[in-house]
PDB file of N, CA and C in Angstrom:
ATOM      1  N   GLN A   1     187.849 195.453  91.716  1.00  0.00           N
ATOM      2  CA  GLN A   1     188.041 194.889  93.049  1.00  0.00           C
ATOM      3  C   GLN A   1     186.705 194.351  93.554  1.00  0.00           C
ATOM      4  N   VAL A   2     186.725 193.130  94.041  1.00  0.00           N
ATOM      5  CA  VAL A   2     185.496 192.506  94.536  1.00  0.00           C
ATOM      6  C   VAL A   2     185.243 192.954  95.973  1.00  0.00           C
ATOM      7  N   GLN A   3     184.006 193.333  96.219  1.00  0.00           N
ATOM      8  CA  GLN A   3     183.593 193.681  97.576  1.00  0.00           C
ATOM      9  C   GLN A   3     182.323 192.923  97.921  1.00  0.00           C
ATOM     10  N   VAL A   4     182.303 192.420  99.135  1.00  0.00           N
ATOM     11  CA  VAL A   4     181.145 191.667  99.635  1.00  0.00           C
ATOM     12  C   VAL A   4     180.811 192.221 101.017  1.00  0.00           C
ATOM     13  N   VAL A   5     179.597 192.666 101.209  1.00  0.00           N
ATOM     14  CA  VAL A   5     179.218 193.322 102.464  1.00  0.00           C
ATOM     15  C   VAL A   5     177.900 192.759 102.963  1.00  0.00           C
ATOM     16  N   GLU A   6     177.933 192.187 104.172  1.00  0.00           N
ATOM     17  CA  GLU A   6     176.718 191.641 104.776  1.00  0.00           C
ATOM     18  C   GLU A   6     176.061 192.667 105.686  1.00  0.00           C
ATOM     19  N   SER A   7     174.779 192.455 105.901  1.00  0.00           N
ATOM     20  CA  SER A   7     174.033 193.256 106.867  1.00  0.00           C
ATOM     21  C   SER A   7     172.802 192.473 107.297  1.00  0.00           C
ATOM     22  N   GLY A   8     172.162 192.950 108.358  1.00  0.00           N
ATOM     23  CA  GLY A   8     170.892 192.367 108.759  1.00  0.00           C
ATOM     24  C   GLY A   8     170.925 191.511 110.000  1.00  0.00           C
ATOM     25  N   GLY A   9     172.109 191.291 110.566  1.00  0.00           N
ATOM     26  CA  GLY A   9     172.171 190.511 111.777  1.00  0.00           C
ATOM     27  C   GLY A   9     171.608 191.281 112.959  1.00  0.00           C
ATOM     28  N   GLY A  10     171.532 190.597 114.101  1.00  0.00           N
ATOM     29  CA  GLY A  10     171.039 191.259 115.288  1.00  0.00           C
ATOM     30  C   GLY A  10     170.648 190.265 116.355  1.00  0.00           C
ATOM     31  N   LEU A  11     169.957 190.778 117.341  1.00  0.00           N
ATOM     32  CA  LEU A  11     169.480 189.975 118.468  1.00  0.00           C
ATOM     33  C   LEU A  11     167.998 189.677 118.262  1.00  0.00           C
ATOM     34  N   VAL A  12     167.646 188.412 118.365  1.00  0.00           N
ATOM     35  CA  VAL A  12     166.256 188.008 118.156  1.00  0.00           C
ATOM     36  C   VAL A  12     165.913 186.910 119.153  1.00  0.00           C
ATOM     37  N   GLN A  13     164.656 186.849 119.533  1.00  0.00           N
ATOM     38  CA  GLN A  13     164.220 185.789 120.431  1.00  0.00           C
ATOM     39  C   GLN A  13     164.017 184.489 119.667  1.00  0.00           C
ATOM     40  N   ALA A  14     164.150 183.398 120.384  1.00  0.00           N
ATOM     41  CA  ALA A  14     163.899 182.097 119.771  1.00  0.00           C
ATOM     42  C   ALA A  14     162.512 182.074 119.154  1.00  0.00           C
ATOM     43  N   GLY A  15     162.453 181.498 117.964  1.00  0.00           N
ATOM     44  CA  GLY A  15     161.207 181.466 117.217  1.00  0.00           C
ATOM     45  C   GLY A  15     161.035 182.624 116.265  1.00  0.00           C
ATOM     46  N   GLY A  16     161.885 183.615 116.381  1.00  0.00           N
ATOM     47  CA  GLY A  16     161.791 184.792 115.521  1.00  0.00           C
ATOM     48  C   GLY A  16     162.456 184.581 114.178  1.00  0.00           C
ATOM     49  N   SER A  17     162.465 185.651 113.399  1.00  0.00           N
ATOM     50  CA  SER A  17     163.012 185.607 112.047  1.00  0.00           C
ATOM     51  C   SER A  17     163.980 186.757 111.814  1.00  0.00           C
ATOM     52  N   LEU A  18     164.877 186.546 110.894  1.00  0.00           N
ATOM     53  CA  LEU A  18     165.790 187.592 110.428  1.00  0.00           C
ATOM     54  C   LEU A  18     166.021 187.387 108.950  1.00  0.00           C
ATOM     55  N   ARG A  19     166.289 188.480 108.247  1.00  0.00           N
ATOM     56  CA  ARG A  19     166.718 188.387 106.871  1.00  0.00           C
ATOM     57  C   ARG A  19     168.076 189.059 106.731  1.00  0.00           C
ATOM     58  N   LEU A  20     169.041 188.273 106.336  1.00  0.00           N
ATOM     59  CA  LEU A  20     170.374 188.792 106.083  1.00  0.00           C
ATOM     60  C   LEU A  20     170.494 189.209 104.626  1.00  0.00           C
ATOM     61  N   SER A  21     171.275 190.253 104.409  1.00  0.00           N
ATOM     62  CA  SER A  21     171.526 190.743 103.052  1.00  0.00           C
ATOM     63  C   SER A  21     173.018 190.762 102.789  1.00  0.00           C
ATOM     64  N   CYS A  22     173.365 190.624 101.534  1.00  0.00           N
ATOM     65  CA  CYS A  22     174.767 190.655 101.126  1.00  0.00           C
ATOM     66  C   CYS A  22     174.841 191.333  99.767  1.00  0.00           C
ATOM     67  N   THR A  23     175.512 192.456  99.741  1.00  0.00           N
ATOM     68  CA  THR A  23     175.678 193.194  98.494  1.00  0.00           C
ATOM     69  C   THR A  23     177.078 192.963  97.954  1.00  0.00           C
ATOM     70  N   ALA A  24     177.150 192.602  96.699  1.00  0.00           N
ATOM     71  CA  ALA A  24     178.433 192.293  96.089  1.00  0.00           C
ATOM     72  C   ALA A  24     178.681 193.192  94.888  1.00  0.00           C
ATOM     73  N   SER A  25     179.944 193.460  94.628  1.00  0.00           N
ATOM     74  CA  SER A  25     180.329 194.248  93.467  1.00  0.00           C
ATOM     75  C   SER A  25     181.660 193.755  92.949  1.00  0.00           C
ATOM     76  N   GLY A  26     181.915 194.060  91.705  1.00  0.00           N
ATOM     77  CA  GLY A  26     183.188 193.689  91.106  1.00  0.00           C
ATOM     78  C   GLY A  26     183.258 192.246  90.626  1.00  0.00           C
ATOM     79  N   LEU A  27     182.123 191.549  90.621  1.00  0.00           N
ATOM     80  CA  LEU A  27     182.097 190.152  90.201  1.00  0.00           C
ATOM     81  C   LEU A  27     181.619 190.022  88.762  1.00  0.00           C
ATOM     82  N   ASP A  28     182.030 188.952  88.130  1.00  0.00           N
ATOM     83  CA  ASP A  28     181.415 188.537  86.878  1.00  0.00           C
ATOM     84  C   ASP A  28     180.231 187.660  87.267  1.00  0.00           C
ATOM     85  N   PHE A  29     179.076 188.266  87.434  1.00  0.00           N
ATOM     86  CA  PHE A  29     177.945 187.562  88.015  1.00  0.00           C
ATOM     87  C   PHE A  29     177.465 186.395  87.156  1.00  0.00           C
ATOM     88  N   ASP A  30     177.766 186.404  85.883  1.00  0.00           N
ATOM     89  CA  ASP A  30     177.322 185.308  85.018  1.00  0.00           C
ATOM     90  C   ASP A  30     178.021 184.002  85.358  1.00  0.00           C
ATOM     91  N   GLU A  31     179.112 184.061  86.084  1.00  0.00           N
ATOM     92  CA  GLU A  31     179.879 182.865  86.399  1.00  0.00           C
ATOM     93  C   GLU A  31     180.070 182.709  87.898  1.00  0.00           C
ATOM     94  N   THR A  32     179.095 183.193  88.666  1.00  0.00           N
ATOM     95  CA  THR A  32     179.292 183.287  90.104  1.00  0.00           C
ATOM     96  C   THR A  32     178.351 182.387  90.885  1.00  0.00           C
ATOM     97  N   VAL A  33     178.880 181.824  91.942  1.00  0.00           N
ATOM     98  CA  VAL A  33     178.064 181.186  92.957  1.00  0.00           C
ATOM     99  C   VAL A  33     178.276 181.958  94.256  1.00  0.00           C
ATOM    100  N   MET A  34     177.211 182.158  94.976  1.00  0.00           N
ATOM    101  CA  MET A  34     177.299 182.860  96.253  1.00  0.00           C
ATOM    102  C   MET A  34     176.695 181.996  97.347  1.00  0.00           C
ATOM    103  N   GLY A  35     177.205 182.167  98.543  1.00  0.00           N
ATOM    104  CA  GLY A  35     176.749 181.319  99.626  1.00  0.00           C
ATOM    105  C   GLY A  35     176.766 182.006 100.968  1.00  0.00           C
ATOM    106  N   TRP A  36     176.060 181.371 101.889  1.00  0.00           N
ATOM    107  CA  TRP A  36     176.041 181.798 103.287  1.00  0.00           C
ATOM    108  C   TRP A  36     176.683 180.726 104.147  1.00  0.00           C
ATOM    109  N   PHE A  37     177.534 181.182 105.037  1.00  0.00           N
ATOM    110  CA  PHE A  37     178.228 180.313 105.956  1.00  0.00           C
ATOM    111  C   PHE A  37     178.084 180.909 107.355  1.00  0.00           C
ATOM    112  N   ARG A  38     178.337 180.115 108.379  1.00  0.00           N
ATOM    113  CA  ARG A  38     178.317 180.658 109.724  1.00  0.00           C
ATOM    114  C   ARG A  38     179.389 179.973 110.565  1.00  0.00           C
ATOM    115  N   GLN A  39     179.809 180.707 111.594  1.00  0.00           N
ATOM    116  CA  GLN A  39     180.780 180.152 112.526  1.00  0.00           C
ATOM    117  C   GLN A  39     180.387 180.555 113.932  1.00  0.00           C
ATOM    118  N   ALA A  40     180.124 179.545 114.740  1.00  0.00           N
ATOM    119  CA  ALA A  40     179.808 179.766 116.151  1.00  0.00           C
ATOM    120  C   ALA A  40     181.092 179.685 116.961  1.00  0.00           C
ATOM    121  N   PRO A  41     181.119 180.314 118.131  1.00  0.00           N
ATOM    122  CA  PRO A  41     182.325 180.265 118.958  1.00  0.00           C
ATOM    123  C   PRO A  41     182.754 178.836 119.242  1.00  0.00           C
ATOM    124  N   GLY A  42     184.021 178.566 119.002  1.00  0.00           N
ATOM    125  CA  GLY A  42     184.568 177.249 119.285  1.00  0.00           C
ATOM    126  C   GLY A  42     184.242 176.189 118.257  1.00  0.00           C
ATOM    127  N   LYS A  43     183.575 176.578 117.176  1.00  0.00           N
ATOM    128  CA  LYS A  43     183.199 175.610 116.143  1.00  0.00           C
ATOM    129  C   LYS A  43     183.788 176.026 114.799  1.00  0.00           C
ATOM    130  N   GLU A  44     183.844 175.063 113.920  1.00  0.00           N
ATOM    131  CA  GLU A  44     184.322 175.340 112.572  1.00  0.00           C
ATOM    132  C   GLU A  44     183.224 176.045 111.769  1.00  0.00           C
ATOM    133  N   ARG A  45     183.653 176.783 110.790  1.00  0.00           N
ATOM    134  CA  ARG A  45     182.713 177.417 109.885  1.00  0.00           C
ATOM    135  C   ARG A  45     181.972 176.348 109.079  1.00  0.00           C
ATOM    136  N   GLU A  46     180.695 176.540 108.895  1.00  0.00           N
ATOM    137  CA  GLU A  46     179.890 175.564 108.170  1.00  0.00           C
ATOM    138  C   GLU A  46     179.071 176.241 107.071  1.00  0.00           C
ATOM    139  N   GLY A  47     178.883 175.523 105.987  1.00  0.00           N
ATOM    140  CA  GLY A  47     178.071 176.019 104.894  1.00  0.00           C
ATOM    141  C   GLY A  47     176.605 175.826 105.173  1.00  0.00           C
ATOM    142  N   LEU A  48     175.809 176.851 104.882  1.00  0.00           N
ATOM    143  CA  LEU A  48     174.379 176.809 105.099  1.00  0.00           C
ATOM    144  C   LEU A  48     173.602 176.688 103.783  1.00  0.00           C
ATOM    145  N   SER A  49     173.966 177.508 102.822  1.00  0.00           N
ATOM    146  CA  SER A  49     173.198 177.545 101.576  1.00  0.00           C
ATOM    147  C   SER A  49     174.007 178.244 100.499  1.00  0.00           C
ATOM    148  N   CYS A  50     173.805 177.815  99.266  1.00  0.00           N
ATOM    149  CA  CYS A  50     174.436 178.441  98.122  1.00  0.00           C
ATOM    150  C   CYS A  50     173.428 178.603  96.994  1.00  0.00           C
ATOM    151  N   ILE A  51     173.756 179.520  96.099  1.00  0.00           N
ATOM    152  CA  ILE A  51     172.899 179.744  94.937  1.00  0.00           C
ATOM    153  C   ILE A  51     173.763 180.147  93.744  1.00  0.00           C
ATOM    154  N   THR A  52     173.441 179.624  92.594  1.00  0.00           N
ATOM    155  CA  THR A  52     174.114 180.078  91.376  1.00  0.00           C
ATOM    156  C   THR A  52     173.441 181.359  90.918  1.00  0.00           C
ATOM    157  N   TRP A  53     174.249 182.360  90.624  1.00  0.00           N
ATOM    158  CA  TRP A  53     173.674 183.680  90.392  1.00  0.00           C
ATOM    159  C   TRP A  53     172.795 183.715  89.144  1.00  0.00           C
ATOM    160  N   THR A  54     173.236 183.055  88.106  1.00  0.00           N
ATOM    161  CA  THR A  54     172.502 183.136  86.845  1.00  0.00           C
ATOM    162  C   THR A  54     171.245 182.268  86.865  1.00  0.00           C
ATOM    163  N   GLY A  55     171.417 180.983  87.199  1.00  0.00           N
ATOM    164  CA  GLY A  55     170.304 180.061  87.097  1.00  0.00           C
ATOM    165  C   GLY A  55     169.452 179.942  88.338  1.00  0.00           C
ATOM    166  N   GLY A  56     169.967 180.375  89.461  1.00  0.00           N
ATOM    167  CA  GLY A  56     169.193 180.281  90.685  1.00  0.00           C
ATOM    168  C   GLY A  56     169.118 178.899  91.306  1.00  0.00           C
ATOM    169  N   THR A  57     170.013 178.016  90.901  1.00  0.00           N
ATOM    170  CA  THR A  57     170.056 176.697  91.538  1.00  0.00           C
ATOM    171  C   THR A  57     170.515 176.858  92.976  1.00  0.00           C
ATOM    172  N   THR A  58     169.833 176.150  93.881  1.00  0.00           N
ATOM    173  CA  THR A  58     170.140 176.305  95.297  1.00  0.00           C
ATOM    174  C   THR A  58     170.578 174.989  95.932  1.00  0.00           C
ATOM    175  N   TRP A  59     171.305 175.146  96.993  1.00  0.00           N
ATOM    176  CA  TRP A  59     171.703 174.030  97.860  1.00  0.00           C
ATOM    177  C   TRP A  59     171.523 174.482  99.300  1.00  0.00           C
ATOM    178  N   TYR A  60     171.074 173.568 100.143  1.00  0.00           N
ATOM    179  CA  TYR A  60     170.929 173.835 101.560  1.00  0.00           C
ATOM    180  C   TYR A  60     171.535 172.696 102.369  1.00  0.00           C
ATOM    181  N   ALA A  61     172.118 173.048 103.497  1.00  0.00           N
ATOM    182  CA  ALA A  61     172.515 172.044 104.463  1.00  0.00           C
ATOM    183  C   ALA A  61     171.250 171.403 105.040  1.00  0.00           C
ATOM    184  N   ASP A  62     171.286 170.107 105.237  1.00  0.00           N
ATOM    185  CA  ASP A  62     170.114 169.393 105.742  1.00  0.00           C
ATOM    186  C   ASP A  62     169.638 169.941 107.086  1.00  0.00           C
ATOM    187  N   SER A  63     170.590 170.390 107.885  1.00  0.00           N
ATOM    188  CA  SER A  63     170.250 170.820 109.244  1.00  0.00           C
ATOM    189  C   SER A  63     169.417 172.093 109.270  1.00  0.00           C
ATOM    190  N   VAL A  64     169.414 172.856 108.168  1.00  0.00           N
ATOM    191  CA  VAL A  64     168.722 174.150 108.189  1.00  0.00           C
ATOM    192  C   VAL A  64     167.719 174.326 107.055  1.00  0.00           C
ATOM    193  N   LYS A  65     167.630 173.385 106.158  1.00  0.00           N
ATOM    194  CA  LYS A  65     166.863 173.620 104.933  1.00  0.00           C
ATOM    195  C   LYS A  65     165.383 173.888 105.184  1.00  0.00           C
ATOM    196  N   ALA A  66     164.843 173.426 106.277  1.00  0.00           N
ATOM    197  CA  ALA A  66     163.428 173.660 106.539  1.00  0.00           C
ATOM    198  C   ALA A  66     163.164 175.082 107.033  1.00  0.00           C
ATOM    199  N   ARG A  67     164.204 175.782 107.451  1.00  0.00           N
ATOM    200  CA  ARG A  67     164.022 177.091 108.089  1.00  0.00           C
ATOM    201  C   ARG A  67     164.654 178.240 107.330  1.00  0.00           C
ATOM    202  N   LEU A  68     165.501 177.928 106.343  1.00  0.00           N
ATOM    203  CA  LEU A  68     166.229 178.983 105.637  1.00  0.00           C
ATOM    204  C   LEU A  68     165.827 179.031 104.162  1.00  0.00           C
ATOM    205  N   THR A  69     165.836 180.234 103.620  1.00  0.00           N
ATOM    206  CA  THR A  69     165.591 180.421 102.197  1.00  0.00           C
ATOM    207  C   THR A  69     166.610 181.397 101.642  1.00  0.00           C
ATOM    208  N   ILE A  70     167.334 180.963 100.632  1.00  0.00           N
ATOM    209  CA  ILE A  70     168.304 181.825  99.967  1.00  0.00           C
ATOM    210  C   ILE A  70     167.663 182.375  98.696  1.00  0.00           C
ATOM    211  N   SER A  71     167.986 183.624  98.392  1.00  0.00           N
ATOM    212  CA  SER A  71     167.466 184.233  97.171  1.00  0.00           C
ATOM    213  C   SER A  71     168.411 185.339  96.745  1.00  0.00           C
ATOM    214  N   ARG A  72     168.209 185.819  95.520  1.00  0.00           N
ATOM    215  CA  ARG A  72     169.039 186.947  95.075  1.00  0.00           C
ATOM    216  C   ARG A  72     168.200 187.873  94.222  1.00  0.00           C
ATOM    217  N   ASP A  73     168.590 189.131  94.263  1.00  0.00           N
ATOM    218  CA  ASP A  73     167.991 190.178  93.440  1.00  0.00           C
ATOM    219  C   ASP A  73     169.057 190.618  92.459  1.00  0.00           C
ATOM    220  N   LYS A  74     168.909 190.184  91.228  1.00  0.00           N
ATOM    221  CA  LYS A  74     169.937 190.479  90.244  1.00  0.00           C
ATOM    222  C   LYS A  74     170.072 191.974  89.991  1.00  0.00           C
ATOM    223  N   ALA A  75     168.982 192.685  89.998  1.00  0.00           N
ATOM    224  CA  ALA A  75     169.028 194.116  89.715  1.00  0.00           C
ATOM    225  C   ALA A  75     169.810 194.879  90.782  1.00  0.00           C
ATOM    226  N   LYS A  76     169.777 194.363  92.003  1.00  0.00           N
ATOM    227  CA  LYS A  76     170.460 195.031  93.109  1.00  0.00           C
ATOM    228  C   LYS A  76     171.790 194.378  93.471  1.00  0.00           C
ATOM    229  N   ASN A  77     172.148 193.317  92.747  1.00  0.00           N
ATOM    230  CA  ASN A  77     173.376 192.563  93.071  1.00  0.00           C
ATOM    231  C   ASN A  77     173.409 192.187  94.549  1.00  0.00           C
ATOM    232  N   THR A  78     172.279 191.749  95.044  1.00  0.00           N
ATOM    233  CA  THR A  78     172.147 191.480  96.465  1.00  0.00           C
ATOM    234  C   THR A  78     171.652 190.057  96.699  1.00  0.00           C
ATOM    235  N   LEU A  79     172.274 189.421  97.640  1.00  0.00           N
ATOM    236  CA  LEU A  79     171.941 188.077  98.084  1.00  0.00           C
ATOM    237  C   LEU A  79     171.228 188.178  99.421  1.00  0.00           C
ATOM    238  N   TYR A  80     170.258 187.287  99.630  1.00  0.00           N
ATOM    239  CA  TYR A  80     169.509 187.294 100.880  1.00  0.00           C
ATOM    240  C   TYR A  80     169.511 185.908 101.522  1.00  0.00           C
ATOM    241  N   LEU A  81     169.324 185.911 102.834  1.00  0.00           N
ATOM    242  CA  LEU A  81     169.084 184.669 103.553  1.00  0.00           C
ATOM    243  C   LEU A  81     167.955 184.940 104.544  1.00  0.00           C
ATOM    244  N   GLN A  82     166.799 184.381 104.269  1.00  0.00           N
ATOM    245  CA  GLN A  82     165.669 184.483 105.174  1.00  0.00           C
ATOM    246  C   GLN A  82     165.750 183.338 106.170  1.00  0.00           C
ATOM    247  N   MET A  83     165.763 183.676 107.441  1.00  0.00           N
ATOM    248  CA  MET A  83     165.891 182.669 108.493  1.00  0.00           C
ATOM    249  C   MET A  83     164.658 182.738 109.392  1.00  0.00           C
ATOM    250  N   ASN A  84     163.962 181.640 109.496  1.00  0.00           N
ATOM    251  CA  ASN A  84     162.744 181.574 110.293  1.00  0.00           C
ATOM    252  C   ASN A  84     162.903 180.584 111.443  1.00  0.00           C
ATOM    253  N   ASN A  85     162.048 180.737 112.429  1.00  0.00           N
ATOM    254  CA  ASN A  85     162.045 179.834 113.593  1.00  0.00           C
ATOM    255  C   ASN A  85     163.458 179.672 114.148  1.00  0.00           C
ATOM    256  N   LEU A  86     164.091 180.798 114.412  1.00  0.00           N
ATOM    257  CA  LEU A  86     165.475 180.778 114.882  1.00  0.00           C
ATOM    258  C   LEU A  86     165.586 180.141 116.253  1.00  0.00           C
ATOM    259  N   LYS A  87     166.716 179.486 116.469  1.00  0.00           N
ATOM    260  CA  LYS A  87     166.970 178.768 117.718  1.00  0.00           C
ATOM    261  C   LYS A  87     168.258 179.297 118.333  1.00  0.00           C
ATOM    262  N   PRO A  88     168.421 179.146 119.645  1.00  0.00           N
ATOM    263  CA  PRO A  88     169.662 179.621 120.274  1.00  0.00           C
ATOM    264  C   PRO A  88     170.910 179.035 119.620  1.00  0.00           C
ATOM    265  N   GLU A  89     170.833 177.828 119.126  1.00  0.00           N
ATOM    266  CA  GLU A  89     172.001 177.218 118.474  1.00  0.00           C
ATOM    267  C   GLU A  89     172.318 177.842 117.114  1.00  0.00           C
ATOM    268  N   ASP A  90     171.463 178.717 116.631  1.00  0.00           N
ATOM    269  CA  ASP A  90     171.763 179.463 115.405  1.00  0.00           C
ATOM    270  C   ASP A  90     172.664 180.665 115.679  1.00  0.00           C
ATOM    271  N   THR A  91     172.931 180.934 116.942  1.00  0.00           N
ATOM    272  CA  THR A  91     173.807 182.056 117.296  1.00  0.00           C
ATOM    273  C   THR A  91     175.194 181.836 116.714  1.00  0.00           C
ATOM    274  N   ALA A  92     175.637 182.794 115.910  1.00  0.00           N
ATOM    275  CA  ALA A  92     176.911 182.664 115.214  1.00  0.00           C
ATOM    276  C   ALA A  92     177.196 183.945 114.441  1.00  0.00           C
ATOM    277  N   MET A  93     178.397 184.021 113.929  1.00  0.00           N
ATOM    278  CA  MET A  93     178.729 185.053 112.927  1.00  0.00           C
ATOM    279  C   MET A  93     178.386 184.469 111.567  1.00  0.00           C
ATOM    280  N   TYR A  94     177.627 185.214 110.795  1.00  0.00           N
ATOM    281  CA  TYR A  94     177.188 184.759 109.490  1.00  0.00           C
ATOM    282  C   TYR A  94     177.966 185.492 108.405  1.00  0.00           C
ATOM    283  N   TYR A  95     178.460 184.723 107.447  1.00  0.00           N
ATOM    284  CA  TYR A  95     179.289 185.266 106.388  1.00  0.00           C
ATOM    285  C   TYR A  95     178.678 184.985 105.019  1.00  0.00           C
ATOM    286  N   CYS A  96     178.847 185.954 104.155  1.00  0.00           N
ATOM    287  CA  CYS A  96     178.504 185.805 102.752  1.00  0.00           C
ATOM    288  C   CYS A  96     179.795 185.608 101.972  1.00  0.00           C
ATOM    289  N   ALA A  97     179.755 184.738 100.981  1.00  0.00           N
ATOM    290  CA  ALA A  97     180.945 184.485 100.174  1.00  0.00           C
ATOM    291  C   ALA A  97     180.558 184.385  98.713  1.00  0.00           C
ATOM    292  N   ALA A  98     181.528 184.700  97.866  1.00  0.00           N
ATOM    293  CA  ALA A  98     181.299 184.646  96.431  1.00  0.00           C
ATOM    294  C   ALA A  98     182.532 184.091  95.729  1.00  0.00           C
ATOM    295  N   GLU A  99     182.276 183.409  94.652  1.00  0.00           N
ATOM    296  CA  GLU A  99     183.377 182.848  93.870  1.00  0.00           C
ATOM    297  C   GLU A  99     182.846 182.405  92.514  1.00  0.00           C
ATOM    298  N   ARG A 100     183.741 182.127  91.622  1.00  0.00           N
ATOM    299  CA  ARG A 100     183.327 181.593  90.328  1.00  0.00           C
ATOM    300  C   ARG A 100     182.667 180.221  90.539  1.00  0.00           C
ATOM    301  N   SER A 101     182.015 179.768  89.528  1.00  0.00           N
ATOM    302  CA  SER A 101     181.112 178.624  89.663  1.00  0.00           C
ATOM    303  C   SER A 101     181.766 177.341  90.153  1.00  0.00           C
ATOM    304  N   PHE A 102     183.086 177.208  89.983  1.00  0.00           N
ATOM    305  CA  PHE A 102     183.747 175.981  90.441  1.00  0.00           C
ATOM    306  C   PHE A 102     183.580 175.775  91.942  1.00  0.00           C
ATOM    307  N   ALA A 103     183.326 176.872  92.677  1.00  0.00           N
ATOM    308  CA  ALA A 103     183.258 176.799  94.138  1.00  0.00           C
ATOM    309  C   ALA A 103     182.001 176.099  94.637  1.00  0.00           C
ATOM    310  N   TRP A 104     181.083 175.780  93.751  1.00  0.00           N
ATOM    311  CA  TRP A 104     179.850 175.092  94.168  1.00  0.00           C
ATOM    312  C   TRP A 104     180.181 173.849  94.993  1.00  0.00           C
ATOM    313  N   ARG A 105     181.245 173.164  94.627  1.00  0.00           N
ATOM    314  CA  ARG A 105     181.616 171.946  95.348  1.00  0.00           C
ATOM    315  C   ARG A 105     182.009 172.196  96.788  1.00  0.00           C
ATOM    316  N   TYR A 106     182.277 173.444  97.137  1.00  0.00           N
ATOM    317  CA  TYR A 106     182.732 173.776  98.488  1.00  0.00           C
ATOM    318  C   TYR A 106     181.622 174.303  99.372  1.00  0.00           C
ATOM    319  N   CYS A 107     180.416 174.333  98.883  1.00  0.00           N
ATOM    320  CA  CYS A 107     179.316 174.880  99.667  1.00  0.00           C
ATOM    321  C   CYS A 107     179.061 174.058 100.928  1.00  0.00           C
ATOM    322  N   SER A 108     179.215 172.764 100.858  1.00  0.00           N
ATOM    323  CA  SER A 108     178.839 171.900 101.974  1.00  0.00           C
ATOM    324  C   SER A 108     179.904 171.825 103.054  1.00  0.00           C
ATOM    325  N   GLY A 109     181.031 172.464 102.816  1.00  0.00           N
ATOM    326  CA  GLY A 109     182.091 172.421 103.810  1.00  0.00           C
ATOM    327  C   GLY A 109     182.252 173.748 104.510  1.00  0.00           C
ATOM    328  N   SER A 110     183.475 174.095 104.764  1.00  0.00           N
ATOM    329  CA  SER A 110     183.778 175.331 105.473  1.00  0.00           C
ATOM    330  C   SER A 110     183.868 176.538 104.544  1.00  0.00           C
ATOM    331  N   GLY A 111     183.696 176.294 103.261  1.00  0.00           N
ATOM    332  CA  GLY A 111     183.796 177.384 102.307  1.00  0.00           C
ATOM    333  C   GLY A 111     185.174 177.548 101.724  1.00  0.00           C
ATOM    334  N   PHE A 112     186.069 176.621 102.061  1.00  0.00           N
ATOM    335  CA  PHE A 112     187.397 176.649 101.436  1.00  0.00           C
ATOM    336  C   PHE A 112     187.201 176.610  99.921  1.00  0.00           C
ATOM    337  N   GLY A 113     187.850 177.501  99.252  1.00  0.00           N
ATOM    338  CA  GLY A 113     187.671 177.598  97.815  1.00  0.00           C
ATOM    339  C   GLY A 113     186.933 178.853  97.400  1.00  0.00           C
ATOM    340  N   PHE A 114     186.162 179.429  98.325  1.00  0.00           N
ATOM    341  CA  PHE A 114     185.538 180.724  98.070  1.00  0.00           C
ATOM    342  C   PHE A 114     186.593 181.803  98.344  1.00  0.00           C
ATOM    343  N   GLY A 115     186.780 182.669  97.390  1.00  0.00           N
ATOM    344  CA  GLY A 115     187.853 183.641  97.520  1.00  0.00           C
ATOM    345  C   GLY A 115     187.433 185.011  98.015  1.00  0.00           C
ATOM    346  N   HIS A 116     186.131 185.271  98.043  1.00  0.00           N
ATOM    347  CA  HIS A 116     185.664 186.610  98.394  1.00  0.00           C
ATOM    348  C   HIS A 116     184.663 186.502  99.543  1.00  0.00           C
ATOM    349  N   TRP A 117     184.994 187.141 100.645  1.00  0.00           N
ATOM    350  CA  TRP A 117     184.195 187.044 101.859  1.00  0.00           C
ATOM    351  C   TRP A 117     183.841 188.424 102.388  1.00  0.00           C
ATOM    352  N   GLY A 118     182.689 188.495 103.003  1.00  0.00           N
ATOM    353  CA  GLY A 118     182.342 189.700 103.730  1.00  0.00           C
ATOM    354  C   GLY A 118     182.937 189.671 105.126  1.00  0.00           C
ATOM    355  N   GLN A 119     182.670 190.727 105.863  1.00  0.00           N
ATOM    356  CA  GLN A 119     183.231 190.845 107.204  1.00  0.00           C
ATOM    357  C   GLN A 119     182.408 190.093 108.242  1.00  0.00           C
ATOM    358  N   GLY A 120     181.230 189.673 107.860  1.00  0.00           N
ATOM    359  CA  GLY A 120     180.371 188.930 108.769  1.00  0.00           C
ATOM    360  C   GLY A 120     179.348 189.805 109.456  1.00  0.00           C
ATOM    361  N   THR A 121     178.240 189.199 109.814  1.00  0.00           N
ATOM    362  CA  THR A 121     177.209 189.888 110.594  1.00  0.00           C
ATOM    363  C   THR A 121     176.753 188.944 111.705  1.00  0.00           C
ATOM    364  N   GLN A 122     176.714 189.467 112.906  1.00  0.00           N
ATOM    365  CA  GLN A 122     176.429 188.633 114.078  1.00  0.00           C
ATOM    366  C   GLN A 122     174.922 188.400 114.222  1.00  0.00           C
ATOM    367  N   VAL A 123     174.579 187.151 114.447  1.00  0.00           N
ATOM    368  CA  VAL A 123     173.201 186.776 114.772  1.00  0.00           C
ATOM    369  C   VAL A 123     173.208 186.148 116.154  1.00  0.00           C
ATOM    370  N   THR A 124     172.412 186.691 117.040  1.00  0.00           N
ATOM    371  CA  THR A 124     172.299 186.165 118.388  1.00  0.00           C
ATOM    372  C   THR A 124     170.839 185.850 118.678  1.00  0.00           C
ATOM    373  N   VAL A 125     170.588 184.607 119.076  1.00  0.00           N
ATOM    374  CA  VAL A 125     169.225 184.172 119.348  1.00  0.00           C
ATOM    375  C   VAL A 125     169.108 183.867 120.834  1.00  0.00           C
ATOM    376  N   SER A 126     168.241 184.584 121.495  1.00  0.00           N
ATOM    377  CA  SER A 126     168.060 184.386 122.933  1.00  0.00           C
ATOM    378  C   SER A 126     166.929 183.385 123.187  1.00  0.00           C
ATOM    379  N   SER A 127     167.079 182.649 124.268  1.00  0.00           N
ATOM    380  CA  SER A 127     166.074 181.628 124.593  1.00  0.00           C
ATOM    381  C   SER A 127     164.957 182.200 125.458  1.00  0.00           C
TER     382      SER A 127
END
């Protein structure tokens, strides 16, 4: 059974940083892509960044690529998202998702096609 669990969200002032973590289990990691998505109130879910688990190839949304860094620790089966210079508009529920490698094509959208999702972790940025 696949499990995906996020952590690391919280309340931070504008300009601050947070690192989100996502621990996954039950996956065939050799054929997996994992990603971070977010959904703000009243908005559609959007893709932020993805990484191929084996090769470490990354993708970032243009709107956030200067401030976000995705990484993974293979030994810990853990995905990270380092977020710097946070802005109030970054306030959202952040989700980690995992799927077999075909899902790479869905990173730039709402994540349709990713079959395994965490419960989300809230990030709130105060001005």
